[in-house]
Amino acid sequence: MSLPAFLLVHTVTVEAYLGDSAYEPLYAAPVSVRCFLDEQTKTVRNKAGEEATSSSTLYAPLETVCPAESRVTLPGGRQTTVITALKRDGGSLPTPDHLEVQLI
């Protein structure tokens, strides 16, 4: 079961992080993603397990490609970076499967 379409009221632009070149990070082409954006500051853990401050959380369809360090442009135009992306997949349980993305 996916997130219900009526919850996906925001659209963000995601440039998935591909890795580093010799001079700068590499990103995939920008992709528009419908999601639910919760702009709330909270403390989260990054991929190294260290504490980080997240300014926003977005909830997107599970198939969204948005690894840590990806660039995300929010509806208001602010560009931010992914701290961590967590797959919330209930398997055969009737839960709303989604990707939870913590943003700087």
PDB file of N, CA and C in Angstrom:
ATOM      1  N   MET A   1       0.842  -1.175   0.000  1.00  0.00           N
ATOM      2  CA  MET A   1       0.000   0.000   0.000  1.00  0.00           C
ATOM      3  C   MET A   1       0.893   1.245   0.000  1.00  0.00           C
ATOM      4  N   SER A   2       0.627   2.182  -0.883  1.00  0.00           N
ATOM      5  CA  SER A   2       1.409   3.406  -0.987  1.00  0.00           C
ATOM      6  C   SER A   2       0.767   4.532  -0.199  1.00  0.00           C
ATOM      7  N   LEU A   3       1.497   5.648  -0.109  1.00  0.00           N
ATOM      8  CA  LEU A   3       0.904   6.846   0.487  1.00  0.00           C
ATOM      9  C   LEU A   3      -0.310   7.249  -0.335  1.00  0.00           C
ATOM     10  N   PRO A   4      -1.410   7.608   0.275  1.00  0.00           N
ATOM     11  CA  PRO A   4      -2.583   8.059  -0.478  1.00  0.00           C
ATOM     12  C   PRO A   4      -2.261   9.334  -1.264  1.00  0.00           C
ATOM     13  N   ALA A   5      -2.739   9.401  -2.500  1.00  0.00           N
ATOM     14  CA  ALA A   5      -2.453  10.536  -3.382  1.00  0.00           C
ATOM     15  C   ALA A   5      -2.902  11.865  -2.782  1.00  0.00           C
ATOM     16  N   PHE A   6      -3.981  11.864  -2.001  1.00  0.00           N
ATOM     17  CA  PHE A   6      -4.477  13.128  -1.448  1.00  0.00           C
ATOM     18  C   PHE A   6      -3.502  13.739  -0.435  1.00  0.00           C
ATOM     19  N   LEU A   7      -2.540  12.958   0.084  1.00  0.00           N
ATOM     20  CA  LEU A   7      -1.542  13.489   1.004  1.00  0.00           C
ATOM     21  C   LEU A   7      -0.369  14.154   0.277  1.00  0.00           C
ATOM     22  N   LEU A   8      -0.185  13.823  -0.991  1.00  0.00           N
ATOM     23  CA  LEU A   8       0.964  14.318  -1.746  1.00  0.00           C
ATOM     24  C   LEU A   8       0.662  15.698  -2.312  1.00  0.00           C
ATOM     25  N   VAL A   9       0.597  16.691  -1.438  1.00  0.00           N
ATOM     26  CA  VAL A   9       0.141  18.036  -1.804  1.00  0.00           C
ATOM     27  C   VAL A   9       1.286  18.981  -2.172  1.00  0.00           C
ATOM     28  N   HIS A  10       2.529  18.563  -1.971  1.00  0.00           N
ATOM     29  CA  HIS A  10       3.675  19.408  -2.292  1.00  0.00           C
ATOM     30  C   HIS A  10       4.472  18.775  -3.439  1.00  0.00           C
ATOM     31  N   THR A  11       5.238  19.605  -4.127  1.00  0.00           N
ATOM     32  CA  THR A  11       6.150  19.115  -5.162  1.00  0.00           C
ATOM     33  C   THR A  11       7.520  19.697  -4.890  1.00  0.00           C
ATOM     34  N   VAL A  12       8.528  18.818  -4.832  1.00  0.00           N
ATOM     35  CA  VAL A  12       9.914  19.235  -4.651  1.00  0.00           C
ATOM     36  C   VAL A  12      10.711  18.750  -5.855  1.00  0.00           C
ATOM     37  N   THR A  13      11.892  19.308  -6.031  1.00  0.00           N
ATOM     38  CA  THR A  13      12.794  18.855  -7.085  1.00  0.00           C
ATOM     39  C   THR A  13      13.963  18.147  -6.418  1.00  0.00           C
ATOM     40  N   VAL A  14      14.224  16.904  -6.855  1.00  0.00           N
ATOM     41  CA  VAL A  14      15.291  16.101  -6.273  1.00  0.00           C
ATOM     42  C   VAL A  14      16.380  15.877  -7.315  1.00  0.00           C
ATOM     43  N   GLU A  15      17.618  16.152  -6.913  1.00  0.00           N
ATOM     44  CA  GLU A  15      18.794  15.821  -7.709  1.00  0.00           C
ATOM     45  C   GLU A  15      19.553  14.763  -6.909  1.00  0.00           C
ATOM     46  N   ALA A  16      19.379  13.494  -7.283  1.00  0.00           N
ATOM     47  CA  ALA A  16      19.956  12.384  -6.516  1.00  0.00           C
ATOM     48  C   ALA A  16      21.481  12.430  -6.546  1.00  0.00           C
ATOM     49  N   TYR A  17      22.064  12.257  -5.376  1.00  0.00           N
ATOM     50  CA  TYR A  17      23.524  12.245  -5.240  1.00  0.00           C
ATOM     51  C   TYR A  17      24.075  10.977  -5.870  1.00  0.00           C
ATOM     52  N   LEU A  18      25.090  11.132  -6.742  1.00  0.00           N
ATOM     53  CA  LEU A  18      25.693   9.995  -7.434  1.00  0.00           C
ATOM     54  C   LEU A  18      27.085   9.657  -6.924  1.00  0.00           C
ATOM     55  N   GLY A  19      27.703  10.580  -6.198  1.00  0.00           N
ATOM     56  CA  GLY A  19      29.065  10.382  -5.716  1.00  0.00           C
ATOM     57  C   GLY A  19      29.880  11.638  -5.948  1.00  0.00           C
ATOM     58  N   ASP A  20      31.182  11.543  -5.730  1.00  0.00           N
ATOM     59  CA  ASP A  20      32.058  12.694  -5.888  1.00  0.00           C
ATOM     60  C   ASP A  20      32.953  12.524  -7.100  1.00  0.00           C
ATOM     61  N   SER A  21      33.191  13.615  -7.811  1.00  0.00           N
ATOM     62  CA  SER A  21      34.198  13.639  -8.863  1.00  0.00           C
ATOM     63  C   SER A  21      35.479  14.174  -8.226  1.00  0.00           C
ATOM     64  N   ALA A  22      36.484  14.452  -9.024  1.00  0.00           N
ATOM     65  CA  ALA A  22      37.737  14.984  -8.492  1.00  0.00           C
ATOM     66  C   ALA A  22      37.553  16.390  -7.928  1.00  0.00           C
ATOM     67  N   TYR A  23      36.511  17.106  -8.389  1.00  0.00           N
ATOM     68  CA  TYR A  23      36.361  18.506  -8.009  1.00  0.00           C
ATOM     69  C   TYR A  23      35.084  18.850  -7.249  1.00  0.00           C
ATOM     70  N   GLU A  24      34.018  18.078  -7.436  1.00  0.00           N
ATOM     71  CA  GLU A  24      32.733  18.434  -6.828  1.00  0.00           C
ATOM     72  C   GLU A  24      31.806  17.218  -6.786  1.00  0.00           C
ATOM     73  N   PRO A  25      30.726  17.306  -6.030  1.00  0.00           N
ATOM     74  CA  PRO A  25      29.749  16.204  -6.011  1.00  0.00           C
ATOM     75  C   PRO A  25      29.049  16.071  -7.369  1.00  0.00           C
ATOM     76  N   LEU A  26      28.624  14.853  -7.682  1.00  0.00           N
ATOM     77  CA  LEU A  26      27.880  14.591  -8.914  1.00  0.00           C
ATOM     78  C   LEU A  26      26.429  14.291  -8.567  1.00  0.00           C
ATOM     79  N   TYR A  27      25.503  14.860  -9.348  1.00  0.00           N
ATOM     80  CA  TYR A  27      24.078  14.677  -9.116  1.00  0.00           C
ATOM     81  C   TYR A  27      23.389  14.216 -10.399  1.00  0.00           C
ATOM     82  N   ALA A  28      22.324  13.450 -10.240  1.00  0.00           N
ATOM     83  CA  ALA A  28      21.490  13.048 -11.379  1.00  0.00           C
ATOM     84  C   ALA A  28      20.681  14.256 -11.851  1.00  0.00           C
ATOM     85  N   ALA A  29      20.062  14.129 -13.003  1.00  0.00           N
ATOM     86  CA  ALA A  29      19.201  15.194 -13.527  1.00  0.00           C
ATOM     87  C   ALA A  29      18.060  15.451 -12.552  1.00  0.00           C
ATOM     88  N   PRO A  30      17.603  16.704 -12.443  1.00  0.00           N
ATOM     89  CA  PRO A  30      16.509  17.029 -11.517  1.00  0.00           C
ATOM     90  C   PRO A  30      15.217  16.288 -11.870  1.00  0.00           C
ATOM     91  N   VAL A  31      14.522  15.832 -10.834  1.00  0.00           N
ATOM     92  CA  VAL A  31      13.259  15.123 -10.993  1.00  0.00           C
ATOM     93  C   VAL A  31      12.232  15.752 -10.056  1.00  0.00           C
ATOM     94  N   SER A  32      11.042  16.026 -10.554  1.00  0.00           N
ATOM     95  CA  SER A  32       9.955  16.533  -9.702  1.00  0.00           C
ATOM     96  C   SER A  32       9.325  15.370  -8.957  1.00  0.00           C
ATOM     97  N   VAL A  33       9.126  15.557  -7.664  1.00  0.00           N
ATOM     98  CA  VAL A  33       8.565  14.505  -6.811  1.00  0.00           C
ATOM     99  C   VAL A  33       7.395  15.075  -6.021  1.00  0.00           C
ATOM    100  N   ARG A  34       6.238  14.434  -6.136  1.00  0.00           N
ATOM    101  CA  ARG A  34       5.091  14.805  -5.301  1.00  0.00           C
ATOM    102  C   ARG A  34       5.302  14.173  -3.935  1.00  0.00           C
ATOM    103  N   CYS A  35       5.024  14.957  -2.892  1.00  0.00           N
ATOM    104  CA  CYS A  35       5.306  14.485  -1.541  1.00  0.00           C
ATOM    105  C   CYS A  35       4.458  15.250  -0.537  1.00  0.00           C
ATOM    106  N   PHE A  36       4.647  14.901   0.725  1.00  0.00           N
ATOM    107  CA  PHE A  36       4.103  15.687   1.830  1.00  0.00           C
ATOM    108  C   PHE A  36       5.305  16.256   2.557  1.00  0.00           C
ATOM    109  N   LEU A  37       5.365  17.571   2.718  1.00  0.00           N
ATOM    110  CA  LEU A  37       6.495  18.251   3.338  1.00  0.00           C
ATOM    111  C   LEU A  37       6.098  18.754   4.718  1.00  0.00           C
ATOM    112  N   ASP A  38       6.875  18.365   5.720  1.00  0.00           N
ATOM    113  CA  ASP A  38       6.658  18.806   7.099  1.00  0.00           C
ATOM    114  C   ASP A  38       7.859  19.650   7.499  1.00  0.00           C
ATOM    115  N   GLU A  39       7.674  20.977   7.550  1.00  0.00           N
ATOM    116  CA  GLU A  39       8.770  21.878   7.900  1.00  0.00           C
ATOM    117  C   GLU A  39       8.790  22.081   9.407  1.00  0.00           C
ATOM    118  N   GLN A  40       9.571  21.240  10.061  1.00  0.00           N
ATOM    119  CA  GLN A  40       9.664  21.230  11.516  1.00  0.00           C
ATOM    120  C   GLN A  40      11.100  20.877  11.898  1.00  0.00           C
ATOM    121  N   THR A  41      11.693  21.619  12.782  1.00  0.00           N
ATOM    122  CA  THR A  41      13.070  21.369  13.196  1.00  0.00           C
ATOM    123  C   THR A  41      13.100  20.283  14.264  1.00  0.00           C
ATOM    124  N   LYS A  42      14.010  19.310  14.068  1.00  0.00           N
ATOM    125  CA  LYS A  42      14.185  18.252  15.066  1.00  0.00           C
ATOM    126  C   LYS A  42      15.570  17.638  14.929  1.00  0.00           C
ATOM    127  N   THR A  43      15.993  16.929  15.942  1.00  0.00           N
ATOM    128  CA  THR A  43      17.283  16.255  15.929  1.00  0.00           C
ATOM    129  C   THR A  43      17.108  14.849  15.375  1.00  0.00           C
ATOM    130  N   VAL A  44      17.984  14.482  14.413  1.00  0.00           N
ATOM    131  CA  VAL A  44      17.945  13.151  13.800  1.00  0.00           C
ATOM    132  C   VAL A  44      19.370  12.604  13.769  1.00  0.00           C
ATOM    133  N   ARG A  45      19.527  11.391  13.311  1.00  0.00           N
ATOM    134  CA  ARG A  45      20.849  10.776  13.142  1.00  0.00           C
ATOM    135  C   ARG A  45      21.177  10.715  11.651  1.00  0.00           C
ATOM    136  N   ASN A  46      22.416  11.042  11.296  1.00  0.00           N
ATOM    137  CA  ASN A  46      22.830  10.936   9.898  1.00  0.00           C
ATOM    138  C   ASN A  46      23.273   9.510   9.608  1.00  0.00           C
ATOM    139  N   LYS A  47      23.774   9.273   8.381  1.00  0.00           N
ATOM    140  CA  LYS A  47      24.122   7.895   8.011  1.00  0.00           C
ATOM    141  C   LYS A  47      25.300   7.347   8.807  1.00  0.00           C
ATOM    142  N   ALA A  48      26.093   8.233   9.442  1.00  0.00           N
ATOM    143  CA  ALA A  48      27.208   7.810  10.286  1.00  0.00           C
ATOM    144  C   ALA A  48      26.777   7.606  11.741  1.00  0.00           C
ATOM    145  N   GLY A  49      25.503   7.889  12.032  1.00  0.00           N
ATOM    146  CA  GLY A  49      24.990   7.719  13.385  1.00  0.00           C
ATOM    147  C   GLY A  49      25.172   8.929  14.276  1.00  0.00           C
ATOM    148  N   GLU A  50      25.665  10.026  13.698  1.00  0.00           N
ATOM    149  CA  GLU A  50      25.869  11.245  14.477  1.00  0.00           C
ATOM    150  C   GLU A  50      24.602  12.082  14.496  1.00  0.00           C
ATOM    151  N   GLU A  51      24.435  12.873  15.562  1.00  0.00           N
ATOM    152  CA  GLU A  51      23.267  13.746  15.642  1.00  0.00           C
ATOM    153  C   GLU A  51      23.385  14.894  14.649  1.00  0.00           C
ATOM    154  N   ALA A  52      22.255  15.235  14.020  1.00  0.00           N
ATOM    155  CA  ALA A  52      22.191  16.358  13.088  1.00  0.00           C
ATOM    156  C   ALA A  52      20.846  17.041  13.287  1.00  0.00           C
ATOM    157  N   THR A  53      20.761  18.304  12.899  1.00  0.00           N
ATOM    158  CA  THR A  53      19.509  19.042  13.016  1.00  0.00           C
ATOM    159  C   THR A  53      18.815  19.065  11.668  1.00  0.00           C
ATOM    160  N   SER A  54      17.596  18.559  11.635  1.00  0.00           N
ATOM    161  CA  SER A  54      16.789  18.531  10.420  1.00  0.00           C
ATOM    162  C   SER A  54      15.784  19.678  10.467  1.00  0.00           C
ATOM    163  N   SER A  55      15.717  20.445   9.376  1.00  0.00           N
ATOM    164  CA  SER A  55      14.768  21.562   9.315  1.00  0.00           C
ATOM    165  C   SER A  55      13.439  21.144   8.708  1.00  0.00           C
ATOM    166  N   SER A  56      13.449  20.028   7.956  1.00  0.00           N
ATOM    167  CA  SER A  56      12.235  19.574   7.270  1.00  0.00           C
ATOM    168  C   SER A  56      12.295  18.072   7.061  1.00  0.00           C
ATOM    169  N   THR A  57      11.121  17.476   6.944  1.00  0.00           N
ATOM    170  CA  THR A  57      10.996  16.062   6.596  1.00  0.00           C
ATOM    171  C   THR A  57      10.021  15.969   5.447  1.00  0.00           C
ATOM    172  N   LEU A  58      10.391  15.202   4.420  1.00  0.00           N
ATOM    173  CA  LEU A  58       9.421  14.976   3.350  1.00  0.00           C
ATOM    174  C   LEU A  58       9.099  13.494   3.279  1.00  0.00           C
ATOM    175  N   TYR A  59       7.851  13.226   2.947  1.00  0.00           N
ATOM    176  CA  TYR A  59       7.344  11.858   2.825  1.00  0.00           C
ATOM    177  C   TYR A  59       6.964  11.671   1.365  1.00  0.00           C
ATOM    178  N   ALA A  60       7.631  10.736   0.695  1.00  0.00           N
ATOM    179  CA  ALA A  60       7.459  10.538  -0.745  1.00  0.00           C
ATOM    180  C   ALA A  60       7.143   9.070  -1.029  1.00  0.00           C
ATOM    181  N   PRO A  61       6.696   8.775  -2.251  1.00  0.00           N
ATOM    182  CA  PRO A  61       6.471   7.379  -2.617  1.00  0.00           C
ATOM    183  C   PRO A  61       7.746   6.551  -2.397  1.00  0.00           C
ATOM    184  N   LEU A  62       7.573   5.310  -2.026  1.00  0.00           N
ATOM    185  CA  LEU A  62       8.689   4.427  -1.676  1.00  0.00           C
ATOM    186  C   LEU A  62       9.706   4.304  -2.805  1.00  0.00           C
ATOM    187  N   GLU A  63       9.281   4.374  -4.044  1.00  0.00           N
ATOM    188  CA  GLU A  63      10.192   4.193  -5.181  1.00  0.00           C
ATOM    189  C   GLU A  63      11.035   5.430  -5.500  1.00  0.00           C
ATOM    190  N   THR A  64      10.857   6.513  -4.759  1.00  0.00           N
ATOM    191  CA  THR A  64      11.629   7.739  -4.971  1.00  0.00           C
ATOM    192  C   THR A  64      13.111   7.478  -4.710  1.00  0.00           C
ATOM    193  N   VAL A  65      13.969   7.970  -5.615  1.00  0.00           N
ATOM    194  CA  VAL A  65      15.417   7.835  -5.460  1.00  0.00           C
ATOM    195  C   VAL A  65      15.942   9.138  -4.866  1.00  0.00           C
ATOM    196  N   CYS A  66      16.394   9.067  -3.615  1.00  0.00           N
ATOM    197  CA  CYS A  66      16.816  10.278  -2.908  1.00  0.00           C
ATOM    198  C   CYS A  66      17.800   9.904  -1.800  1.00  0.00           C
ATOM    199  N   PRO A  67      19.015   9.433  -2.171  1.00  0.00           N
ATOM    200  CA  PRO A  67      19.970   9.009  -1.141  1.00  0.00           C
ATOM    201  C   PRO A  67      20.525  10.188  -0.344  1.00  0.00           C
ATOM    202  N   ALA A  68      21.191   9.884   0.753  1.00  0.00           N
ATOM    203  CA  ALA A  68      21.845  10.917   1.557  1.00  0.00           C
ATOM    204  C   ALA A  68      22.756  11.744   0.669  1.00  0.00           C
ATOM    205  N   GLU A  69      22.830  13.031   0.953  1.00  0.00           N
ATOM    206  CA  GLU A  69      23.627  14.031   0.248  1.00  0.00           C
ATOM    207  C   GLU A  69      23.006  14.500  -1.068  1.00  0.00           C
ATOM    208  N   SER A  70      21.804  14.022  -1.386  1.00  0.00           N
ATOM    209  CA  SER A  70      21.098  14.521  -2.567  1.00  0.00           C
ATOM    210  C   SER A  70      20.708  15.971  -2.332  1.00  0.00           C
ATOM    211  N   ARG A  71      20.496  16.718  -3.425  1.00  0.00           N
ATOM    212  CA  ARG A  71      20.034  18.101  -3.338  1.00  0.00           C
ATOM    213  C   ARG A  71      18.534  18.113  -3.553  1.00  0.00           C
ATOM    214  N   VAL A  72      17.824  18.883  -2.739  1.00  0.00           N
ATOM    215  CA  VAL A  72      16.372  19.000  -2.839  1.00  0.00           C
ATOM    216  C   VAL A  72      16.015  20.484  -2.857  1.00  0.00           C
ATOM    217  N   THR A  73      15.182  20.877  -3.825  1.00  0.00           N
ATOM    218  CA  THR A  73      14.676  22.245  -3.867  1.00  0.00           C
ATOM    219  C   THR A  73      13.228  22.211  -3.402  1.00  0.00           C
ATOM    220  N   LEU A  74      12.937  22.953  -2.333  1.00  0.00           N
ATOM    221  CA  LEU A  74      11.603  22.972  -1.740  1.00  0.00           C
ATOM    222  C   LEU A  74      10.678  23.896  -2.528  1.00  0.00           C
ATOM    223  N   PRO A  75       9.358  23.788  -2.309  1.00  0.00           N
ATOM    224  CA  PRO A  75       8.398  24.611  -3.057  1.00  0.00           C
ATOM    225  C   PRO A  75       8.688  26.111  -3.018  1.00  0.00           C
ATOM    226  N   GLY A  76       9.206  26.624  -1.928  1.00  0.00           N
ATOM    227  CA  GLY A  76       9.504  28.053  -1.821  1.00  0.00           C
ATOM    228  C   GLY A  76      10.794  28.462  -2.508  1.00  0.00           C
ATOM    229  N   GLY A  77      11.550  27.489  -3.045  1.00  0.00           N
ATOM    230  CA  GLY A  77      12.791  27.783  -3.742  1.00  0.00           C
ATOM    231  C   GLY A  77      14.052  27.522  -2.938  1.00  0.00           C
ATOM    232  N   ARG A  78      13.904  27.253  -1.629  1.00  0.00           N
ATOM    233  CA  ARG A  78      15.080  26.977  -0.789  1.00  0.00           C
ATOM    234  C   ARG A  78      15.685  25.639  -1.186  1.00  0.00           C
ATOM    235  N   GLN A  79      17.017  25.646  -1.393  1.00  0.00           N
ATOM    236  CA  GLN A  79      17.714  24.411  -1.728  1.00  0.00           C
ATOM    237  C   GLN A  79      18.341  23.842  -0.465  1.00  0.00           C
ATOM    238  N   THR A  80      18.189  22.546  -0.263  1.00  0.00           N
ATOM    239  CA  THR A  80      18.674  21.894   0.943  1.00  0.00           C
ATOM    240  C   THR A  80      19.312  20.561   0.580  1.00  0.00           C
ATOM    241  N   THR A  81      19.837  19.867   1.573  1.00  0.00           N
ATOM    242  CA  THR A  81      20.543  18.606   1.362  1.00  0.00           C
ATOM    243  C   THR A  81      19.926  17.515   2.222  1.00  0.00           C
ATOM    244  N   VAL A  82      19.922  16.298   1.702  1.00  0.00           N
ATOM    245  CA  VAL A  82      19.374  15.151   2.427  1.00  0.00           C
ATOM    246  C   VAL A  82      20.362  14.689   3.497  1.00  0.00           C
ATOM    247  N   ILE A  83      19.883  14.589   4.729  1.00  0.00           N
ATOM    248  CA  ILE A  83      20.678  14.017   5.816  1.00  0.00           C
ATOM    249  C   ILE A  83      20.617  12.496   5.714  1.00  0.00           C
ATOM    250  N   THR A  84      19.403  11.983   5.650  1.00  0.00           N
ATOM    251  CA  THR A  84      19.196  10.543   5.541  1.00  0.00           C
ATOM    252  C   THR A  84      17.829  10.276   4.923  1.00  0.00           C
ATOM    253  N   ALA A  85      17.706   9.132   4.261  1.00  0.00           N
ATOM    254  CA  ALA A  85      16.435   8.705   3.673  1.00  0.00           C
ATOM    255  C   ALA A  85      16.116   7.314   4.210  1.00  0.00           C
ATOM    256  N   LEU A  86      14.931   7.177   4.797  1.00  0.00           N
ATOM    257  CA  LEU A  86      14.546   5.939   5.465  1.00  0.00           C
ATOM    258  C   LEU A  86      13.368   5.288   4.751  1.00  0.00           C
ATOM    259  N   LYS A  87      13.538   4.043   4.326  1.00  0.00           N
ATOM    260  CA  LYS A  87      12.437   3.322   3.685  1.00  0.00           C
ATOM    261  C   LYS A  87      11.500   2.809   4.766  1.00  0.00           C
ATOM    262  N   ARG A  88      10.244   3.150   4.646  1.00  0.00           N
ATOM    263  CA  ARG A  88       9.210   2.704   5.581  1.00  0.00           C
ATOM    264  C   ARG A  88       8.288   1.755   4.829  1.00  0.00           C
ATOM    265  N   ASP A  89       8.671   0.478   4.817  1.00  0.00           N
ATOM    266  CA  ASP A  89       7.961  -0.541   4.053  1.00  0.00           C
ATOM    267  C   ASP A  89       7.395  -1.576   5.018  1.00  0.00           C
ATOM    268  N   GLY A  90       6.075  -1.665   5.065  1.00  0.00           N
ATOM    269  CA  GLY A  90       5.414  -2.591   5.974  1.00  0.00           C
ATOM    270  C   GLY A  90       5.294  -4.013   5.451  1.00  0.00           C
ATOM    271  N   GLY A  91       5.904  -4.282   4.273  1.00  0.00           N
ATOM    272  CA  GLY A  91       5.813  -5.622   3.692  1.00  0.00           C
ATOM    273  C   GLY A  91       4.374  -5.940   3.356  1.00  0.00           C
ATOM    274  N   SER A  92       3.846  -7.002   3.917  1.00  0.00           N
ATOM    275  CA  SER A  92       2.465  -7.401   3.625  1.00  0.00           C
ATOM    276  C   SER A  92       1.447  -6.735   4.556  1.00  0.00           C
ATOM    277  N   LEU A  93       1.916  -5.936   5.510  1.00  0.00           N
ATOM    278  CA  LEU A  93       0.992  -5.246   6.408  1.00  0.00           C
ATOM    279  C   LEU A  93       0.323  -4.081   5.672  1.00  0.00           C
ATOM    280  N   PRO A  94      -0.900  -3.731   6.021  1.00  0.00           N
ATOM    281  CA  PRO A  94      -1.622  -2.652   5.328  1.00  0.00           C
ATOM    282  C   PRO A  94      -1.211  -1.267   5.853  1.00  0.00           C
ATOM    283  N   THR A  95       0.064  -0.935   5.669  1.00  0.00           N
ATOM    284  CA  THR A  95       0.584   0.361   6.111  1.00  0.00           C
ATOM    285  C   THR A  95       0.911   1.217   4.891  1.00  0.00           C
ATOM    286  N   PRO A  96       0.934   2.533   5.033  1.00  0.00           N
ATOM    287  CA  PRO A  96       1.302   3.395   3.906  1.00  0.00           C
ATOM    288  C   PRO A  96       2.819   3.393   3.692  1.00  0.00           C
ATOM    289  N   ASP A  97       3.294   2.566   2.770  1.00  0.00           N
ATOM    290  CA  ASP A  97       4.713   2.474   2.481  1.00  0.00           C
ATOM    291  C   ASP A  97       5.202   3.789   1.877  1.00  0.00           C
ATOM    292  N   HIS A  98       6.364   4.259   2.328  1.00  0.00           N
ATOM    293  CA  HIS A  98       6.871   5.536   1.838  1.00  0.00           C
ATOM    294  C   HIS A  98       8.363   5.685   2.158  1.00  0.00           C
ATOM    295  N   LEU A  99       8.945   6.739   1.593  1.00  0.00           N
ATOM    296  CA  LEU A  99      10.308   7.117   1.882  1.00  0.00           C
ATOM    297  C   LEU A  99      10.264   8.365   2.753  1.00  0.00           C
ATOM    298  N   GLU A 100      10.892   8.293   3.918  1.00  0.00           N
ATOM    299  CA  GLU A 100      10.954   9.434   4.835  1.00  0.00           C
ATOM    300  C   GLU A 100      12.327  10.070   4.669  1.00  0.00           C
ATOM    301  N   VAL A 101      12.360  11.329   4.243  1.00  0.00           N
ATOM    302  CA  VAL A 101      13.619  12.009   3.928  1.00  0.00           C
ATOM    303  C   VAL A 101      13.833  13.164   4.901  1.00  0.00           C
ATOM    304  N   GLN A 102      14.928  13.113   5.653  1.00  0.00           N
ATOM    305  CA  GLN A 102      15.289  14.174   6.582  1.00  0.00           C
ATOM    306  C   GLN A 102      16.189  15.158   5.856  1.00  0.00           C
ATOM    307  N   LEU A 103      15.866  16.457   5.927  1.00  0.00           N
ATOM    308  CA  LEU A 103      16.600  17.495   5.203  1.00  0.00           C
ATOM    309  C   LEU A 103      17.294  18.441   6.162  1.00  0.00           C
ATOM    310  N   ILE A 104      18.416  18.992   5.732  1.00  0.00           N
ATOM    311  CA  ILE A 104      19.146  20.007   6.514  1.00  0.00           C
ATOM    312  C   ILE A 104      18.331  21.279   6.496  1.00  0.00           C
TER     313      ILE A 104
END
